[in-house]
Amino acid sequence: MSKIDNAVRQVVNEMQEPGSVAKSIVKYVDPKTVVKITRKHRKYCREVSVTYLLTLGKPNYAERKFVKLCVKAGVSFPVSKLQYKFYPKAKK
């Protein structure tokens, strides 16, 4: 199996764990490749549907900044830890 297959499997399993509340999870495979999964909630009349969006490919602006910091710090790729992003807290 390739690095990307393992990364996809890892982020999907992490997102589907019970109790996972992350909005998105990012795995950095190499400086020019990321695997990202994002959860999207849609509220209809009384039902809530959840859609997962899987993105493979080039990093976006914020992810490129993180890659630069990793290279500068001497972190080896693939980065072993996943990066979690959460929904903002609702104002009361």
PDB file of N, CA and C in Angstrom:
ATOM      1  N   MET A   1       0.824  -1.185   0.000  1.00  0.00           N
ATOM      2  CA  MET A   1       0.000   0.000   0.000  1.00  0.00           C
ATOM      3  C   MET A   1       0.867   1.247   0.000  1.00  0.00           C
ATOM      4  N   SER A   2       0.344   2.283  -0.578  1.00  0.00           N
ATOM      5  CA  SER A   2       1.111   3.526  -0.650  1.00  0.00           C
ATOM      6  C   SER A   2       0.872   4.390   0.584  1.00  0.00           C
ATOM      7  N   LYS A   3       1.649   5.434   0.689  1.00  0.00           N
ATOM      8  CA  LYS A   3       1.505   6.360   1.812  1.00  0.00           C
ATOM      9  C   LYS A   3       0.143   7.034   1.804  1.00  0.00           C
ATOM     10  N   ILE A   4      -0.358   7.348   0.613  1.00  0.00           N
ATOM     11  CA  ILE A   4      -1.642   8.045   0.513  1.00  0.00           C
ATOM     12  C   ILE A   4      -2.779   7.132   0.946  1.00  0.00           C
ATOM     13  N   ASP A   5      -2.737   5.850   0.574  1.00  0.00           N
ATOM     14  CA  ASP A   5      -3.761   4.900   1.010  1.00  0.00           C
ATOM     15  C   ASP A   5      -3.808   4.812   2.528  1.00  0.00           C
ATOM     16  N   ASN A   6      -2.651   4.718   3.150  1.00  0.00           N
ATOM     17  CA  ASN A   6      -2.605   4.646   4.608  1.00  0.00           C
ATOM     18  C   ASN A   6      -3.116   5.928   5.248  1.00  0.00           C
ATOM     19  N   ALA A   7      -2.778   7.079   4.664  1.00  0.00           N
ATOM     20  CA  ALA A   7      -3.233   8.356   5.200  1.00  0.00           C
ATOM     21  C   ALA A   7      -4.747   8.498   5.094  1.00  0.00           C
ATOM     22  N   VAL A   8      -5.316   8.082   3.956  1.00  0.00           N
ATOM     23  CA  VAL A   8      -6.771   8.140   3.776  1.00  0.00           C
ATOM     24  C   VAL A   8      -7.457   7.257   4.805  1.00  0.00           C
ATOM     25  N   ARG A   9      -6.968   6.051   4.957  1.00  0.00           N
ATOM     26  CA  ARG A   9      -7.552   5.127   5.931  1.00  0.00           C
ATOM     27  C   ARG A   9      -7.469   5.711   7.344  1.00  0.00           C
ATOM     28  N   GLN A  10      -6.356   6.339   7.670  1.00  0.00           N
ATOM     29  CA  GLN A  10      -6.154   6.885   9.008  1.00  0.00           C
ATOM     30  C   GLN A  10      -7.111   8.043   9.306  1.00  0.00           C
ATOM     31  N   VAL A  11      -7.260   8.992   8.373  1.00  0.00           N
ATOM     32  CA  VAL A  11      -8.146  10.127   8.636  1.00  0.00           C
ATOM     33  C   VAL A  11      -9.613   9.720   8.654  1.00  0.00           C
ATOM     34  N   VAL A  12     -10.014   8.785   7.803  1.00  0.00           N
ATOM     35  CA  VAL A  12     -11.405   8.329   7.790  1.00  0.00           C
ATOM     36  C   VAL A  12     -11.737   7.602   9.087  1.00  0.00           C
ATOM     37  N   ASN A  13     -10.854   6.728   9.544  1.00  0.00           N
ATOM     38  CA  ASN A  13     -11.105   6.014  10.802  1.00  0.00           C
ATOM     39  C   ASN A  13     -11.166   6.971  11.982  1.00  0.00           C
ATOM     40  N   GLU A  14     -10.325   7.979  11.969  1.00  0.00           N
ATOM     41  CA  GLU A  14     -10.303   8.942  13.075  1.00  0.00           C
ATOM     42  C   GLU A  14     -11.578   9.784  13.085  1.00  0.00           C
ATOM     43  N   MET A  15     -12.088  10.157  11.917  1.00  0.00           N
ATOM     44  CA  MET A  15     -13.304  10.968  11.848  1.00  0.00           C
ATOM     45  C   MET A  15     -14.528  10.162  12.260  1.00  0.00           C
ATOM     46  N   GLN A  16     -14.526   8.850  11.992  1.00  0.00           N
ATOM     47  CA  GLN A  16     -15.700   8.032  12.287  1.00  0.00           C
ATOM     48  C   GLN A  16     -15.706   7.473  13.705  1.00  0.00           C
ATOM     49  N   GLU A  17     -14.679   7.763  14.485  1.00  0.00           N
ATOM     50  CA  GLU A  17     -14.675   7.284  15.867  1.00  0.00           C
ATOM     51  C   GLU A  17     -15.839   7.894  16.628  1.00  0.00           C
ATOM     52  N   PRO A  18     -16.467   7.113  17.518  1.00  0.00           N
ATOM     53  CA  PRO A  18     -17.548   7.679  18.318  1.00  0.00           C
ATOM     54  C   PRO A  18     -17.019   8.789  19.222  1.00  0.00           C
ATOM     55  N   GLY A  19     -17.744   9.880  19.295  1.00  0.00           N
ATOM     56  CA  GLY A  19     -17.335  10.999  20.125  1.00  0.00           C
ATOM     57  C   GLY A  19     -16.426  11.984  19.432  1.00  0.00           C
ATOM     58  N   SER A  20     -16.109  11.768  18.176  1.00  0.00           N
ATOM     59  CA  SER A  20     -15.257  12.695  17.434  1.00  0.00           C
ATOM     60  C   SER A  20     -16.060  13.948  17.097  1.00  0.00           C
ATOM     61  N   VAL A  21     -15.556  15.115  17.497  1.00  0.00           N
ATOM     62  CA  VAL A  21     -16.276  16.369  17.257  1.00  0.00           C
ATOM     63  C   VAL A  21     -15.487  17.313  16.359  1.00  0.00           C
ATOM     64  N   ALA A  22     -14.457  16.829  15.719  1.00  0.00           N
ATOM     65  CA  ALA A  22     -13.620  17.676  14.864  1.00  0.00           C
ATOM     66  C   ALA A  22     -14.364  18.050  13.586  1.00  0.00           C
ATOM     67  N   LYS A  23     -14.130  19.281  13.121  1.00  0.00           N
ATOM     68  CA  LYS A  23     -14.703  19.724  11.857  1.00  0.00           C
ATOM     69  C   LYS A  23     -13.915  19.130  10.702  1.00  0.00           C
ATOM     70  N   SER A  24     -12.577  19.133  10.838  1.00  0.00           N
ATOM     71  CA  SER A  24     -11.746  18.541   9.799  1.00  0.00           C
ATOM     72  C   SER A  24     -10.472  17.973  10.408  1.00  0.00           C
ATOM     73  N   ILE A  25      -9.911  17.003   9.714  1.00  0.00           N
ATOM     74  CA  ILE A  25      -8.676  16.356  10.131  1.00  0.00           C
ATOM     75  C   ILE A  25      -7.742  16.349   8.925  1.00  0.00           C
ATOM     76  N   VAL A  26      -6.489  16.760   9.152  1.00  0.00           N
ATOM     77  CA  VAL A  26      -5.521  16.874   8.064  1.00  0.00           C
ATOM     78  C   VAL A  26      -4.317  15.990   8.366  1.00  0.00           C
ATOM     79  N   LYS A  27      -3.871  15.234   7.358  1.00  0.00           N
ATOM     80  CA  LYS A  27      -2.660  14.418   7.440  1.00  0.00           C
ATOM     81  C   LYS A  27      -1.706  14.910   6.359  1.00  0.00           C
ATOM     82  N   TYR A  28      -0.477  15.247   6.766  1.00  0.00           N
ATOM     83  CA  TYR A  28       0.536  15.743   5.841  1.00  0.00           C
ATOM     84  C   TYR A  28       1.393  14.568   5.374  1.00  0.00           C
ATOM     85  N   VAL A  29       1.255  14.172   4.110  1.00  0.00           N
ATOM     86  CA  VAL A  29       1.981  13.029   3.558  1.00  0.00           C
ATOM     87  C   VAL A  29       3.398  13.441   3.160  1.00  0.00           C
ATOM     88  N   ASP A  30       3.515  14.526   2.433  1.00  0.00           N
ATOM     89  CA  ASP A  30       4.810  15.120   2.096  1.00  0.00           C
ATOM     90  C   ASP A  30       4.581  16.614   1.914  1.00  0.00           C
ATOM     91  N   PRO A  31       5.626  17.413   1.690  1.00  0.00           N
ATOM     92  CA  PRO A  31       5.419  18.868   1.624  1.00  0.00           C
ATOM     93  C   PRO A  31       4.445  19.336   0.549  1.00  0.00           C
ATOM     94  N   LYS A  32       4.178  18.527  -0.451  1.00  0.00           N
ATOM     95  CA  LYS A  32       3.271  18.955  -1.510  1.00  0.00           C
ATOM     96  C   LYS A  32       1.991  18.135  -1.588  1.00  0.00           C
ATOM     97  N   THR A  33       1.741  17.266  -0.601  1.00  0.00           N
ATOM     98  CA  THR A  33       0.550  16.426  -0.619  1.00  0.00           C
ATOM     99  C   THR A  33      -0.060  16.354   0.769  1.00  0.00           C
ATOM    100  N   VAL A  34      -1.376  16.609   0.837  1.00  0.00           N
ATOM    101  CA  VAL A  34      -2.103  16.467   2.091  1.00  0.00           C
ATOM    102  C   VAL A  34      -3.355  15.631   1.841  1.00  0.00           C
ATOM    103  N   VAL A  35      -3.838  14.996   2.908  1.00  0.00           N
ATOM    104  CA  VAL A  35      -5.106  14.269   2.884  1.00  0.00           C
ATOM    105  C   VAL A  35      -5.958  14.911   3.956  1.00  0.00           C
ATOM    106  N   LYS A  36      -7.135  15.403   3.561  1.00  0.00           N
ATOM    107  CA  LYS A  36      -7.993  16.122   4.491  1.00  0.00           C
ATOM    108  C   LYS A  36      -9.410  15.580   4.392  1.00  0.00           C
ATOM    109  N   ILE A  37     -10.072  15.401   5.556  1.00  0.00           N
ATOM    110  CA  ILE A  37     -11.479  15.024   5.579  1.00  0.00           C
ATOM    111  C   ILE A  37     -12.221  16.083   6.377  1.00  0.00           C
ATOM    112  N   THR A  38     -13.368  16.530   5.843  1.00  0.00           N
ATOM    113  CA  THR A  38     -14.147  17.588   6.456  1.00  0.00           C
ATOM    114  C   THR A  38     -15.581  17.117   6.646  1.00  0.00           C
ATOM    115  N   ARG A  39     -16.136  17.406   7.819  1.00  0.00           N
ATOM    116  CA  ARG A  39     -17.526  17.062   8.136  1.00  0.00           C
ATOM    117  C   ARG A  39     -18.393  18.280   7.871  1.00  0.00           C
ATOM    118  N   LYS A  40     -19.489  18.086   7.141  1.00  0.00           N
ATOM    119  CA  LYS A  40     -20.427  19.166   6.865  1.00  0.00           C
ATOM    120  C   LYS A  40     -21.798  18.764   7.374  1.00  0.00           C
ATOM    121  N   HIS A  41     -22.368  19.619   8.203  1.00  0.00           N
ATOM    122  CA  HIS A  41     -23.709  19.386   8.741  1.00  0.00           C
ATOM    123  C   HIS A  41     -24.708  20.198   7.927  1.00  0.00           C
ATOM    124  N   ARG A  42     -25.833  19.591   7.634  1.00  0.00           N
ATOM    125  CA  ARG A  42     -26.917  20.311   6.980  1.00  0.00           C
ATOM    126  C   ARG A  42     -28.186  20.022   7.766  1.00  0.00           C
ATOM    127  N   LYS A  43     -28.865  21.073   8.172  1.00  0.00           N
ATOM    128  CA  LYS A  43     -30.113  20.902   8.921  1.00  0.00           C
ATOM    129  C   LYS A  43     -31.284  21.130   7.982  1.00  0.00           C
ATOM    130  N   TYR A  44     -32.093  20.121   7.869  1.00  0.00           N
ATOM    131  CA  TYR A  44     -33.332  20.249   7.139  1.00  0.00           C
ATOM    132  C   TYR A  44     -34.447  20.375   8.164  1.00  0.00           C
ATOM    133  N   CYS A  45     -35.675  20.165   7.785  1.00  0.00           N
ATOM    134  CA  CYS A  45     -36.808  20.382   8.686  1.00  0.00           C
ATOM    135  C   CYS A  45     -36.549  19.812  10.084  1.00  0.00           C
ATOM    136  N   ARG A  46     -36.488  18.528  10.215  1.00  0.00           N
ATOM    137  CA  ARG A  46     -36.261  17.917  11.522  1.00  0.00           C
ATOM    138  C   ARG A  46     -35.088  16.963  11.507  1.00  0.00           C
ATOM    139  N   GLU A  47     -34.485  16.797  10.365  1.00  0.00           N
ATOM    140  CA  GLU A  47     -33.393  15.848  10.240  1.00  0.00           C
ATOM    141  C   GLU A  47     -32.071  16.584  10.064  1.00  0.00           C
ATOM    142  N   VAL A  48     -31.032  15.974  10.549  1.00  0.00           N
ATOM    143  CA  VAL A  48     -29.690  16.507  10.363  1.00  0.00           C
ATOM    144  C   VAL A  48     -28.914  15.493   9.538  1.00  0.00           C
ATOM    145  N   SER A  49     -28.403  15.934   8.401  1.00  0.00           N
ATOM    146  CA  SER A  49     -27.608  15.025   7.590  1.00  0.00           C
ATOM    147  C   SER A  49     -26.145  15.430   7.700  1.00  0.00           C
ATOM    148  N   VAL A  50     -25.269  14.452   7.664  1.00  0.00           N
ATOM    149  CA  VAL A  50     -23.840  14.690   7.764  1.00  0.00           C
ATOM    150  C   VAL A  50     -23.187  14.197   6.482  1.00  0.00           C
ATOM    151  N   THR A  51     -22.377  15.053   5.890  1.00  0.00           N
ATOM    152  CA  THR A  51     -21.654  14.727   4.674  1.00  0.00           C
ATOM    153  C   THR A  51     -20.164  14.840   4.955  1.00  0.00           C
ATOM    154  N   TYR A  52     -19.380  13.891   4.453  1.00  0.00           N
ATOM    155  CA  TYR A  52     -17.936  13.937   4.601  1.00  0.00           C
ATOM    156  C   TYR A  52     -17.311  14.245   3.249  1.00  0.00           C
ATOM    157  N   LEU A  53     -16.381  15.204   3.240  1.00  0.00           N
ATOM    158  CA  LEU A  53     -15.678  15.584   2.024  1.00  0.00           C
ATOM    159  C   LEU A  53     -14.216  15.207   2.177  1.00  0.00           C
ATOM    160  N   LEU A  54     -13.712  14.335   1.304  1.00  0.00           N
ATOM    161  CA  LEU A  54     -12.329  13.889   1.339  1.00  0.00           C
ATOM    162  C   LEU A  54     -11.544  14.633   0.265  1.00  0.00           C
ATOM    163  N   THR A  55     -10.448  15.290   0.675  1.00  0.00           N
ATOM    164  CA  THR A  55      -9.631  16.070  -0.242  1.00  0.00           C
ATOM    165  C   THR A  55      -8.222  15.505  -0.280  1.00  0.00           C
ATOM    166  N   LEU A  56      -7.733  15.202  -1.482  1.00  0.00           N
ATOM    167  CA  LEU A  56      -6.368  14.730  -1.690  1.00  0.00           C
ATOM    168  C   LEU A  56      -5.671  15.719  -2.610  1.00  0.00           C
ATOM    169  N   GLY A  57      -4.443  16.073  -2.274  1.00  0.00           N
ATOM    170  CA  GLY A  57      -3.718  16.929  -3.201  1.00  0.00           C
ATOM    171  C   GLY A  57      -2.902  18.000  -2.534  1.00  0.00           C
ATOM    172  N   LYS A  58      -2.843  19.155  -3.193  1.00  0.00           N
ATOM    173  CA  LYS A  58      -1.992  20.252  -2.751  1.00  0.00           C
ATOM    174  C   LYS A  58      -2.563  20.905  -1.496  1.00  0.00           C
ATOM    175  N   PRO A  59      -1.677  21.376  -0.618  1.00  0.00           N
ATOM    176  CA  PRO A  59      -2.152  22.072   0.585  1.00  0.00           C
ATOM    177  C   PRO A  59      -2.665  23.475   0.264  1.00  0.00           C
ATOM    178  N   ASN A  60      -3.637  23.945   1.076  1.00  0.00           N
ATOM    179  CA  ASN A  60      -4.126  25.309   0.910  1.00  0.00           C
ATOM    180  C   ASN A  60      -3.175  26.285   1.608  1.00  0.00           C
ATOM    181  N   TYR A  61      -3.557  27.552   1.694  1.00  0.00           N
ATOM    182  CA  TYR A  61      -2.661  28.582   2.206  1.00  0.00           C
ATOM    183  C   TYR A  61      -2.213  28.294   3.647  1.00  0.00           C
ATOM    184  N   ALA A  62      -3.150  28.013   4.546  1.00  0.00           N
ATOM    185  CA  ALA A  62      -2.809  27.763   5.950  1.00  0.00           C
ATOM    186  C   ALA A  62      -1.959  26.500   6.090  1.00  0.00           C
ATOM    187  N   GLU A  63      -2.263  25.493   5.296  1.00  0.00           N
ATOM    188  CA  GLU A  63      -1.498  24.242   5.358  1.00  0.00           C
ATOM    189  C   GLU A  63      -0.084  24.437   4.814  1.00  0.00           C
ATOM    190  N   ARG A  64       0.092  25.300   3.809  1.00  0.00           N
ATOM    191  CA  ARG A  64       1.436  25.586   3.301  1.00  0.00           C
ATOM    192  C   ARG A  64       2.282  26.284   4.354  1.00  0.00           C
ATOM    193  N   LYS A  65       1.663  27.178   5.133  1.00  0.00           N
ATOM    194  CA  LYS A  65       2.390  27.838   6.217  1.00  0.00           C
ATOM    195  C   LYS A  65       2.853  26.812   7.253  1.00  0.00           C
ATOM    196  N   PHE A  66       1.989  25.837   7.568  1.00  0.00           N
ATOM    197  CA  PHE A  66       2.344  24.794   8.529  1.00  0.00           C
ATOM    198  C   PHE A  66       3.478  23.928   7.983  1.00  0.00           C
ATOM    199  N   VAL A  67       3.433  23.607   6.693  1.00  0.00           N
ATOM    200  CA  VAL A  67       4.495  22.806   6.073  1.00  0.00           C
ATOM    201  C   VAL A  67       5.822  23.542   6.157  1.00  0.00           C
ATOM    202  N   LYS A  68       5.813  24.857   5.902  1.00  0.00           N
ATOM    203  CA  LYS A  68       7.042  25.649   6.000  1.00  0.00           C
ATOM    204  C   LYS A  68       7.621  25.581   7.403  1.00  0.00           C
ATOM    205  N   LEU A  69       6.751  25.693   8.419  1.00  0.00           N
ATOM    206  CA  LEU A  69       7.211  25.616   9.804  1.00  0.00           C
ATOM    207  C   LEU A  69       7.783  24.232  10.123  1.00  0.00           C
ATOM    208  N   CYS A  70       7.167  23.180   9.589  1.00  0.00           N
ATOM    209  CA  CYS A  70       7.663  21.819   9.814  1.00  0.00           C
ATOM    210  C   CYS A  70       9.037  21.630   9.183  1.00  0.00           C
ATOM    211  N   VAL A  71       9.211  22.119   7.966  1.00  0.00           N
ATOM    212  CA  VAL A  71      10.496  21.987   7.281  1.00  0.00           C
ATOM    213  C   VAL A  71      11.565  22.763   8.031  1.00  0.00           C
ATOM    214  N   LYS A  72      11.214  23.958   8.496  1.00  0.00           N
ATOM    215  CA  LYS A  72      12.158  24.784   9.235  1.00  0.00           C
ATOM    216  C   LYS A  72      12.556  24.130  10.556  1.00  0.00           C
ATOM    217  N   ALA A  73      11.604  23.431  11.207  1.00  0.00           N
ATOM    218  CA  ALA A  73      11.878  22.769  12.477  1.00  0.00           C
ATOM    219  C   ALA A  73      12.576  21.428  12.286  1.00  0.00           C
ATOM    220  N   GLY A  74      12.624  20.928  11.060  1.00  0.00           N
ATOM    221  CA  GLY A  74      13.304  19.665  10.782  1.00  0.00           C
ATOM    222  C   GLY A  74      12.449  18.433  11.013  1.00  0.00           C
ATOM    223  N   VAL A  75      11.131  18.587  10.955  1.00  0.00           N
ATOM    224  CA  VAL A  75      10.217  17.454  11.124  1.00  0.00           C
ATOM    225  C   VAL A  75      10.231  16.624   9.848  1.00  0.00           C
ATOM    226  N   SER A  76      10.302  15.302  10.010  1.00  0.00           N
ATOM    227  CA  SER A  76      10.321  14.427   8.833  1.00  0.00           C
ATOM    228  C   SER A  76       8.900  14.149   8.353  1.00  0.00           C
ATOM    229  N   PHE A  77       8.767  13.955   7.059  1.00  0.00           N
ATOM    230  CA  PHE A  77       7.462  13.643   6.463  1.00  0.00           C
ATOM    231  C   PHE A  77       7.373  12.164   6.200  1.00  0.00           C
ATOM    232  N   PRO A  78       6.198  11.553   6.302  1.00  0.00           N
ATOM    233  CA  PRO A  78       4.913  12.116   6.675  1.00  0.00           C
ATOM    234  C   PRO A  78       4.883  12.494   8.159  1.00  0.00           C
ATOM    235  N   VAL A  79       4.196  13.588   8.472  1.00  0.00           N
ATOM    236  CA  VAL A  79       4.071  14.046   9.856  1.00  0.00           C
ATOM    237  C   VAL A  79       3.230  13.019  10.603  1.00  0.00           C
ATOM    238  N   SER A  80       3.739  12.543  11.736  1.00  0.00           N
ATOM    239  CA  SER A  80       3.094  11.437  12.437  1.00  0.00           C
ATOM    240  C   SER A  80       1.771  11.828  13.084  1.00  0.00           C
ATOM    241  N   LYS A  81       1.634  13.086  13.518  1.00  0.00           N
ATOM    242  CA  LYS A  81       0.409  13.508  14.190  1.00  0.00           C
ATOM    243  C   LYS A  81      -0.574  14.107  13.190  1.00  0.00           C
ATOM    244  N   LEU A  82      -1.845  13.886  13.464  1.00  0.00           N
ATOM    245  CA  LEU A  82      -2.900  14.481  12.656  1.00  0.00           C
ATOM    246  C   LEU A  82      -3.185  15.879  13.175  1.00  0.00           C
ATOM    247  N   GLN A  83      -3.668  16.758  12.304  1.00  0.00           N
ATOM    248  CA  GLN A  83      -4.018  18.108  12.716  1.00  0.00           C
ATOM    249  C   GLN A  83      -5.539  18.211  12.716  1.00  0.00           C
ATOM    250  N   TYR A  84      -6.097  18.598  13.883  1.00  0.00           N
ATOM    251  CA  TYR A  84      -7.543  18.698  14.058  1.00  0.00           C
ATOM    252  C   TYR A  84      -7.975  20.151  14.006  1.00  0.00           C
ATOM    253  N   LYS A  85      -9.120  20.402  13.383  1.00  0.00           N
ATOM    254  CA  LYS A  85      -9.748  21.726  13.399  1.00  0.00           C
ATOM    255  C   LYS A  85     -11.178  21.521  13.883  1.00  0.00           C
ATOM    256  N   PHE A  86     -11.607  22.389  14.811  1.00  0.00           N
ATOM    257  CA  PHE A  86     -12.914  22.237  15.435  1.00  0.00           C
ATOM    258  C   PHE A  86     -13.868  23.363  15.031  1.00  0.00           C
ATOM    259  N   TYR A  87     -15.164  23.121  15.232  1.00  0.00           N
ATOM    260  CA  TYR A  87     -16.161  24.153  14.996  1.00  0.00           C
ATOM    261  C   TYR A  87     -16.001  25.245  16.048  1.00  0.00           C
ATOM    262  N   PRO A  88     -16.268  26.501  15.696  1.00  0.00           N
ATOM    263  CA  PRO A  88     -16.186  27.562  16.710  1.00  0.00           C
ATOM    264  C   PRO A  88     -17.310  27.405  17.728  1.00  0.00           C
ATOM    265  N   LYS A  89     -17.055  27.895  18.936  1.00  0.00           N
ATOM    266  CA  LYS A  89     -18.085  27.809  19.970  1.00  0.00           C
ATOM    267  C   LYS A  89     -19.206  28.796  19.649  1.00  0.00           C
ATOM    268  N   ALA A  90     -20.431  28.373  19.883  1.00  0.00           N
ATOM    269  CA  ALA A  90     -21.588  29.214  19.624  1.00  0.00           C
ATOM    270  C   ALA A  90     -21.686  30.309  20.677  1.00  0.00           C
ATOM    271  N   LYS A  91     -22.051  31.507  20.247  1.00  0.00           N
ATOM    272  CA  LYS A  91     -22.220  32.611  21.178  1.00  0.00           C
ATOM    273  C   LYS A  91     -23.572  32.468  21.865  1.00  0.00           C
ATOM    274  N   LYS A  92     -23.598  32.831  23.112  1.00  0.00           N
ATOM    275  CA  LYS A  92     -24.850  32.714  23.867  1.00  0.00           C
ATOM    276  C   LYS A  92     -25.499  34.052  24.080  1.00  0.00           C
TER     277      LYS A  92
END
